[in-house]
C-alpha cells in the first residue's frame, strides 16, 4: 500500500498519528512525518487514520499485491445464494 499526504491540506490535527503511530508522527505542532510505503500489517490502522482525517489530506493507494489479498465477493462469509425456503 502506498500513502500520499497533501501536506498543504494537512492542518496538524494528528488523528492519523494517534490511530497509526507506526506510520504517522507529528514533528513539532504542525509538521507531519509519515512512511509512504506502510507495511501491510498496518493496513487496518492506516484505513482508520485515512477515515479520521478531518480535512481528507490522506490518500491510500492499494498496490496490485494489496488487491490480490482482498477476498473475492463469493469468499466472504454469508455471501452467495441462499438455499431452501420459499421467496
C-alpha atoms as a PDB file:
ATOM      1  CA  UNK A   1       0.000   0.000   0.000  1.00  0.00           C
ATOM      2  CA  UNK A   2       1.177   3.489  -0.748  1.00  0.00           C
ATOM      3  CA  UNK A   3       0.255   6.637   1.145  1.00  0.00           C
ATOM      4  CA  UNK A   4       0.162  10.163  -0.187  1.00  0.00           C
ATOM      5  CA  UNK A   5      -0.496  13.069   2.165  1.00  0.00           C
ATOM      6  CA  UNK A   6      -1.362  16.512   0.847  1.00  0.00           C
ATOM      7  CA  UNK A   7       0.820  18.449   3.267  1.00  0.00           C
ATOM      8  CA  UNK A   8      -0.693  21.731   2.085  1.00  0.00           C
ATOM      9  CA  UNK A   9      -4.116  20.486   3.150  1.00  0.00           C
ATOM     10  CA  UNK A  10      -2.958  18.855   6.421  1.00  0.00           C
ATOM     11  CA  UNK A  11      -3.851  21.044   9.413  1.00  0.00           C
ATOM     12  CA  UNK A  12      -1.950  19.069  12.063  1.00  0.00           C
ATOM     13  CA  UNK A  13      -4.953  17.560  13.862  1.00  0.00           C
ATOM     14  CA  UNK A  14      -2.796  14.434  14.398  1.00  0.00           C
ATOM     15  CA  UNK A  15      -5.660  11.950  14.297  1.00  0.00           C
ATOM     16  CA  UNK A  16      -3.553   9.819  11.951  1.00  0.00           C
ATOM     17  CA  UNK A  17      -0.658   9.787  14.431  1.00  0.00           C
ATOM     18  CA  UNK A  18      -2.965   8.579  17.201  1.00  0.00           C
ATOM     19  CA  UNK A  19      -4.542   5.845  15.073  1.00  0.00           C
ATOM     20  CA  UNK A  20      -1.450   4.628  13.194  1.00  0.00           C
ATOM     21  CA  UNK A  21       1.596   5.698  15.228  1.00  0.00           C
ATOM     22  CA  UNK A  22       3.901   3.274  13.395  1.00  0.00           C
ATOM     23  CA  UNK A  23       3.149   5.096  10.130  1.00  0.00           C
ATOM     24  CA  UNK A  24       2.430   8.740  11.074  1.00  0.00           C
ATOM     25  CA  UNK A  25       4.153  11.045  13.570  1.00  0.00           C
ATOM     26  CA  UNK A  26       3.950  14.715  14.379  1.00  0.00           C
ATOM     27  CA  UNK A  27       7.190  16.676  14.333  1.00  0.00           C
ATOM     28  CA  UNK A  28       6.506  19.756  16.385  1.00  0.00           C
ATOM     29  CA  UNK A  29       2.995  21.186  16.453  1.00  0.00           C
ATOM     30  CA  UNK A  30       2.182  21.206  12.758  1.00  0.00           C
ATOM     31  CA  UNK A  31       4.663  19.124  10.751  1.00  0.00           C
ATOM     32  CA  UNK A  32       3.625  15.593   9.807  1.00  0.00           C
ATOM     33  CA  UNK A  33       6.105  12.815   9.116  1.00  0.00           C
ATOM     34  CA  UNK A  34       4.896   9.576   7.560  1.00  0.00           C
ATOM     35  CA  UNK A  35       6.045   6.392   5.861  1.00  0.00           C
ATOM     36  CA  UNK A  36       4.634   6.419   2.317  1.00  0.00           C
ATOM     37  CA  UNK A  37       5.249   2.668   1.995  1.00  0.00           C
ATOM     38  CA  UNK A  38       3.444   1.421   5.093  1.00  0.00           C
ATOM     39  CA  UNK A  39       3.693  -2.272   5.918  1.00  0.00           C
ATOM     40  CA  UNK A  40       0.737  -4.495   5.036  1.00  0.00           C
ATOM     41  CA  UNK A  41       0.135  -5.333   8.702  1.00  0.00           C
ATOM     42  CA  UNK A  42      -0.593  -1.634   9.291  1.00  0.00           C
ATOM     43  CA  UNK A  43      -3.440  -1.574   6.760  1.00  0.00           C
ATOM     44  CA  UNK A  44      -6.309  -1.581   9.274  1.00  0.00           C
ATOM     45  CA  UNK A  45      -4.751   1.239  11.316  1.00  0.00           C
ATOM     46  CA  UNK A  46      -3.978   3.226   8.161  1.00  0.00           C
ATOM     47  CA  UNK A  47      -7.549   2.836   6.897  1.00  0.00           C
ATOM     48  CA  UNK A  48      -8.805   4.187  10.223  1.00  0.00           C
ATOM     49  CA  UNK A  49      -6.372   7.102  10.016  1.00  0.00           C
ATOM     50  CA  UNK A  50      -7.495   7.932   6.458  1.00  0.00           C
ATOM     51  CA  UNK A  51     -11.140   7.895   7.548  1.00  0.00           C
ATOM     52  CA  UNK A  52     -10.431  10.017  10.638  1.00  0.00           C
ATOM     53  CA  UNK A  53      -8.573  12.829   8.866  1.00  0.00           C
ATOM     54  CA  UNK A  54     -10.910  15.820   9.266  1.00  0.00           C
ATOM     55  CA  UNK A  55      -9.596  17.545   6.130  1.00  0.00           C
ATOM     56  CA  UNK A  56      -9.217  14.464   3.909  1.00  0.00           C
ATOM     57  CA  UNK A  57      -5.491  15.013   3.397  1.00  0.00           C
ATOM     58  CA  UNK A  58      -4.515  11.321   3.262  1.00  0.00           C
ATOM     59  CA  UNK A  59      -4.856   9.183   0.151  1.00  0.00           C
ATOM     60  CA  UNK A  60      -4.360   5.422   0.327  1.00  0.00           C
ATOM     61  CA  UNK A  61      -3.356   3.729  -2.917  1.00  0.00           C
ATOM     62  CA  UNK A  62      -3.620  -0.050  -2.999  1.00  0.00           C
ATOM     63  CA  UNK A  63      -0.981  -1.913  -4.995  1.00  0.00           C
ATOM     64  CA  UNK A  64      -1.599  -4.988  -7.121  1.00  0.00           C
ATOM     65  CA  UNK A  65      -0.258  -7.073  -4.244  1.00  0.00           C
ATOM     66  CA  UNK A  66      -2.766  -5.471  -1.855  1.00  0.00           C
ATOM     67  CA  UNK A  67      -5.604  -6.188  -4.285  1.00  0.00           C
ATOM     68  CA  UNK A  68      -4.514  -9.842  -4.587  1.00  0.00           C
ATOM     69  CA  UNK A  69      -5.047 -10.209  -0.829  1.00  0.00           C
ATOM     70  CA  UNK A  70      -8.637  -8.902  -0.922  1.00  0.00           C
ATOM     71  CA  UNK A  71     -11.073 -11.845  -0.692  1.00  0.00           C
ATOM     72  CA  UNK A  72     -13.345 -12.457  -3.643  1.00  0.00           C
ATOM     73  CA  UNK A  73     -17.013 -11.499  -3.010  1.00  0.00           C
ATOM     74  CA  UNK A  74     -18.115 -15.147  -3.054  1.00  0.00           C
ATOM     75  CA  UNK A  75     -15.466 -15.991  -0.431  1.00  0.00           C
ATOM     76  CA  UNK A  76     -16.955 -13.587   2.116  1.00  0.00           C
ATOM     77  CA  UNK A  77     -18.920 -15.320   4.862  1.00  0.00           C
ATOM     78  CA  UNK A  78     -22.635 -15.206   4.249  1.00  0.00           C
ATOM     79  CA  UNK A  79     -22.256 -14.384   0.569  1.00  0.00           C
ATOM     80  CA  UNK A  80     -23.721 -16.463  -2.198  1.00  0.00           C
ATOM     81  CA  UNK A  81     -27.134 -17.852  -2.989  1.00  0.00           C
ATOM     82  CA  UNK A  82     -29.489 -18.782  -0.210  1.00  0.00           C
ATOM     83  CA  UNK A  83     -30.577 -22.363  -0.013  1.00  0.00           C
ATOM     84  CA  UNK A  84     -34.030 -23.643   0.852  1.00  0.00           C
ATOM     85  CA  UNK A  85     -37.195 -21.797   1.717  1.00  0.00           C
ATOM     86  CA  UNK A  86     -39.713 -20.036  -0.465  1.00  0.00           C
ATOM     87  CA  UNK A  87     -39.192 -16.468  -1.556  1.00  0.00           C
END
